[in-house]
C-alpha atoms as a PDB file:
ATOM      1  CA  MET A   1     140.093 104.524 100.049  1.00  0.00           C
ATOM      2  CA  ARG A   2     139.099 101.826 102.529  1.00  0.00           C
ATOM      3  CA  ILE A   3     141.244  98.739 102.987  1.00  0.00           C
ATOM      4  CA  LEU A   4     140.320  95.434 104.611  1.00  0.00           C
ATOM      5  CA  ILE A   5     143.079  93.285 106.122  1.00  0.00           C
ATOM      6  CA  VAL A   6     142.076  89.649 106.670  1.00  0.00           C
ATOM      7  CA  ASP A   7     144.466  87.535 108.749  1.00  0.00           C
ATOM      8  CA  ASP A   8     144.001  85.365 111.829  1.00  0.00           C
ATOM      9  CA  SER A   9     147.118  86.884 113.401  1.00  0.00           C
ATOM     10  CA  ALA A  10     146.461  90.226 115.105  1.00  0.00           C
ATOM     11  CA  MET A  11     150.206  90.869 114.995  1.00  0.00           C
ATOM     12  CA  MET A  12     150.303  90.329 111.213  1.00  0.00           C
ATOM     13  CA  ARG A  13     147.276  92.597 110.715  1.00  0.00           C
ATOM     14  CA  ALA A  14     149.033  95.300 112.743  1.00  0.00           C
ATOM     15  CA  MET A  15     152.209  94.882 110.691  1.00  0.00           C
ATOM     16  CA  ILE A  16     150.358  95.154 107.363  1.00  0.00           C
ATOM     17  CA  LYS A  17     148.450  98.170 108.705  1.00  0.00           C
ATOM     18  CA  ARG A  18     151.742  99.805 109.644  1.00  0.00           C
ATOM     19  CA  VAL A  19     153.260  99.092 106.212  1.00  0.00           C
ATOM     20  CA  VAL A  20     150.178 100.596 104.520  1.00  0.00           C
ATOM     21  CA  GLY A  21     150.599 103.676 106.709  1.00  0.00           C
ATOM     22  CA  LEU A  22     154.239 104.024 105.668  1.00  0.00           C
ATOM     23  CA  SER A  23     153.402 103.630 101.965  1.00  0.00           C
ATOM     24  CA  ALA A  24     152.265 107.273 101.563  1.00  0.00           C
ATOM     25  CA  ILE A  25     149.032 106.116  99.894  1.00  0.00           C
ATOM     26  CA  ALA A  26     145.975 108.111 100.998  1.00  0.00           C
ATOM     27  CA  VAL A  27     143.820 105.725 103.050  1.00  0.00           C
ATOM     28  CA  GLU A  28     140.579 106.803 104.678  1.00  0.00           C
ATOM     29  CA  GLU A  29     140.154 103.742 106.881  1.00  0.00           C
ATOM     30  CA  ILE A  30     141.698 100.330 107.472  1.00  0.00           C
ATOM     31  CA  LEU A  31     139.337  97.631 108.687  1.00  0.00           C
ATOM     32  CA  GLU A  32     140.327  94.203 109.978  1.00  0.00           C
ATOM     33  CA  ALA A  33     138.948  90.669 110.083  1.00  0.00           C
ATOM     34  CA  GLY A  34     140.342  87.488 111.625  1.00  0.00           C
ATOM     35  CA  ASN A  35     138.880  85.058 109.067  1.00  0.00           C
ATOM     36  CA  GLY A  36     136.781  84.872 105.925  1.00  0.00           C
ATOM     37  CA  VAL A  37     133.420  84.903 107.700  1.00  0.00           C
ATOM     38  CA  GLU A  38     134.325  88.123 109.509  1.00  0.00           C
ATOM     39  CA  ALA A  39     135.648  89.563 106.239  1.00  0.00           C
ATOM     40  CA  LEU A  40     132.341  88.936 104.441  1.00  0.00           C
ATOM     41  CA  ALA A  41     130.504  90.773 107.229  1.00  0.00           C
ATOM     42  CA  VAL A  42     132.873  93.746 106.854  1.00  0.00           C
ATOM     43  CA  LEU A  43     132.455  93.728 103.060  1.00  0.00           C
ATOM     44  CA  GLU A  44     128.673  93.643 103.388  1.00  0.00           C
ATOM     45  CA  SER A  45     128.581  96.722 105.618  1.00  0.00           C
ATOM     46  CA  ASN A  46     131.409  98.862 104.189  1.00  0.00           C
ATOM     47  CA  ASP A  47     132.594 100.215 100.858  1.00  0.00           C
ATOM     48  CA  ILE A  48     135.993  98.495 100.588  1.00  0.00           C
ATOM     49  CA  GLN A  49     138.304  99.221  97.653  1.00  0.00           C
ATOM     50  CA  VAL A  50     141.178  96.811  98.431  1.00  0.00           C
ATOM     51  CA  MET A  51     141.306  93.592 100.457  1.00  0.00           C
ATOM     52  CA  PHE A  52     144.508  91.939 101.648  1.00  0.00           C
ATOM     53  CA  THR A  53     143.931  88.353 102.730  1.00  0.00           C
ATOM     54  CA  ASP A  54     145.976  85.541 104.168  1.00  0.00           C
ATOM     55  CA  ILE A  55     145.308  82.029 102.893  1.00  0.00           C
ATOM     56  CA  ASN A  56     145.686  79.891 106.005  1.00  0.00           C
ATOM     57  CA  MET A  57     143.009  80.916 108.535  1.00  0.00           C
ATOM     58  CA  PRO A  58     140.448  79.096 110.675  1.00  0.00           C
ATOM     59  CA  VAL A  59     136.662  79.122 110.115  1.00  0.00           C
ATOM     60  CA  MET A  60     136.892  80.259 106.470  1.00  0.00           C
ATOM     61  CA  ASN A  61     140.305  80.405 104.816  1.00  0.00           C
ATOM     62  CA  GLY A  62     141.429  82.894 102.184  1.00  0.00           C
ATOM     63  CA  THR A  63     140.746  80.567  99.255  1.00  0.00           C
ATOM     64  CA  GLU A  64     137.184  79.964 100.453  1.00  0.00           C
ATOM     65  CA  LEU A  65     136.736  83.705 101.017  1.00  0.00           C
ATOM     66  CA  LEU A  66     137.895  84.591  97.507  1.00  0.00           C
ATOM     67  CA  ARG A  67     135.646  81.910  95.980  1.00  0.00           C
ATOM     68  CA  GLU A  68     132.663  83.222  97.947  1.00  0.00           C
ATOM     69  CA  ILE A  69     133.373  86.787  96.810  1.00  0.00           C
ATOM     70  CA  ALA A  70     133.520  85.597  93.188  1.00  0.00           C
ATOM     71  CA  ARG A  71     130.337  83.523  93.597  1.00  0.00           C
ATOM     72  CA  ARG A  72     128.354  86.440  95.004  1.00  0.00           C
ATOM     73  CA  ASP A  73     129.541  88.915  92.369  1.00  0.00           C
ATOM     74  CA  GLU A  74     128.640  91.813  94.725  1.00  0.00           C
ATOM     75  CA  TRP A  75     132.091  93.386  94.730  1.00  0.00           C
ATOM     76  CA  PRO A  76     133.345  93.382  91.120  1.00  0.00           C
ATOM     77  CA  ALA A  77     135.637  96.402  91.651  1.00  0.00           C
ATOM     78  CA  LEU A  78     137.247  95.039  94.833  1.00  0.00           C
ATOM     79  CA  GLY A  79     141.032  94.865  94.581  1.00  0.00           C
ATOM     80  CA  ARG A  80     142.135  91.452  95.885  1.00  0.00           C
ATOM     81  CA  VAL A  81     145.627  90.753  97.176  1.00  0.00           C
ATOM     82  CA  ILE A  82     146.862  87.574  98.829  1.00  0.00           C
ATOM     83  CA  ILE A  83     149.568  88.032 101.450  1.00  0.00           C
ATOM     84  CA  SER A  84     150.883  84.643 102.529  1.00  0.00           C
ATOM     85  CA  THR A  85     153.956  82.843 103.797  1.00  0.00           C
ATOM     86  CA  ASP A  86     153.265  80.132 101.202  1.00  0.00           C
ATOM     87  CA  GLY A  87     154.772  81.385  97.953  1.00  0.00           C
ATOM     88  CA  SER A  88     155.013  77.978  96.303  1.00  0.00           C
ATOM     89  CA  THR A  89     154.363  77.597  92.582  1.00  0.00           C
ATOM     90  CA  CYS A  90     151.385  75.376  93.346  1.00  0.00           C
ATOM     91  CA  ARG A  91     149.804  77.974  95.646  1.00  0.00           C
ATOM     92  CA  ARG A  92     150.429  80.763  93.128  1.00  0.00           C
ATOM     93  CA  GLU A  93     148.804  78.709  90.361  1.00  0.00           C
ATOM     94  CA  GLN A  94     145.759  78.135  92.576  1.00  0.00           C
ATOM     95  CA  ALA A  95     145.590  81.886  93.224  1.00  0.00           C
ATOM     96  CA  ALA A  96     145.485  82.588  89.493  1.00  0.00           C
ATOM     97  CA  ASP A  97     142.040  80.924  89.441  1.00  0.00           C
ATOM     98  CA  LEU A  98     140.771  83.158  92.262  1.00  0.00           C
ATOM     99  CA  ASP A  99     140.726  86.504  90.395  1.00  0.00           C
ATOM    100  CA  VAL A 100     143.390  88.109  92.566  1.00  0.00           C
ATOM    101  CA  ASP A 101     145.316  91.186  91.525  1.00  0.00           C
ATOM    102  CA  CYS A 102     148.538  90.216  93.251  1.00  0.00           C
ATOM    103  CA  TYR A 103     150.191  87.563  95.406  1.00  0.00           C
ATOM    104  CA  LEU A 104     152.667  88.913  97.962  1.00  0.00           C
ATOM    105  CA  GLU A 105     154.850  86.845 100.243  1.00  0.00           C
ATOM    106  CA  LYS A 106     155.248  87.707 103.905  1.00  0.00           C
ATOM    107  CA  PRO A 107     156.936  89.735 105.125  1.00  0.00           C
ATOM    108  CA  VAL A 108     155.722  92.551 102.901  1.00  0.00           C
ATOM    109  CA  THR A 109     157.800  95.628 102.198  1.00  0.00           C
ATOM    110  CA  VAL A 110     156.590  99.217 102.076  1.00  0.00           C
ATOM    111  CA  GLU A 111     157.737  99.515  98.462  1.00  0.00           C
ATOM    112  CA  GLY A 112     156.079  96.259  97.392  1.00  0.00           C
ATOM    113  CA  LEU A 113     152.797  97.162  99.032  1.00  0.00           C
ATOM    114  CA  ARG A 114     152.860 100.710  97.638  1.00  0.00           C
ATOM    115  CA  ASP A 115     153.483  99.366  94.118  1.00  0.00           C
ATOM    116  CA  VAL A 116     150.588  96.916  94.422  1.00  0.00           C
ATOM    117  CA  LEU A 117     148.205  99.595  95.719  1.00  0.00           C
ATOM    118  CA  ASN A 118     149.211 102.005  92.944  1.00  0.00           C
ATOM    119  CA  GLU A 119     148.689  99.279  90.359  1.00  0.00           C
ATOM    120  CA  ILE A 120     145.267  98.328  91.731  1.00  0.00           C
ATOM    121  CA  LEU A 121     144.152 101.936  92.015  1.00  0.00           C
ATOM    122  CA  GLY A 122     145.174 102.509  88.406  1.00  0.00           C
ATOM    123  CA  THR A 123     143.240  99.456  87.232  1.00  0.00           C
ATOM    124  CA  THR A 124     139.485  99.287  86.850  1.00  0.00           C
ATOM    125  CA  ARG A 125     137.801  95.906  87.020  1.00  0.00           C
ATOM    126  CA  SER A 126     135.184  95.199  84.430  1.00  0.00           C
END
């Protein structure tokens, strides 16, 4: 499995990468991007199974990224998880329209991330 972590904070990407490593889920490779534009380039050149994205980023934010992924319809099986500090009801309702599998609040736990990955891996998108 290949995972893409999209966050403008290198420290947050490293933390999520570490949590994935501790989750005991078999991961072949973890790729990183600092914004939505970089993430699209990674998606175009790699077979990614799960993408974790922040919402608030420069250049192209997570909402714009998820809308672009949906518009292109090139990655129908891509697992999509938002990891954000903004867990407000309003933000979660907006996420429901973005075809995401899960919305996690920072900081993420090993158990929470493992549960989300197991759920996504057990689910096939149509």
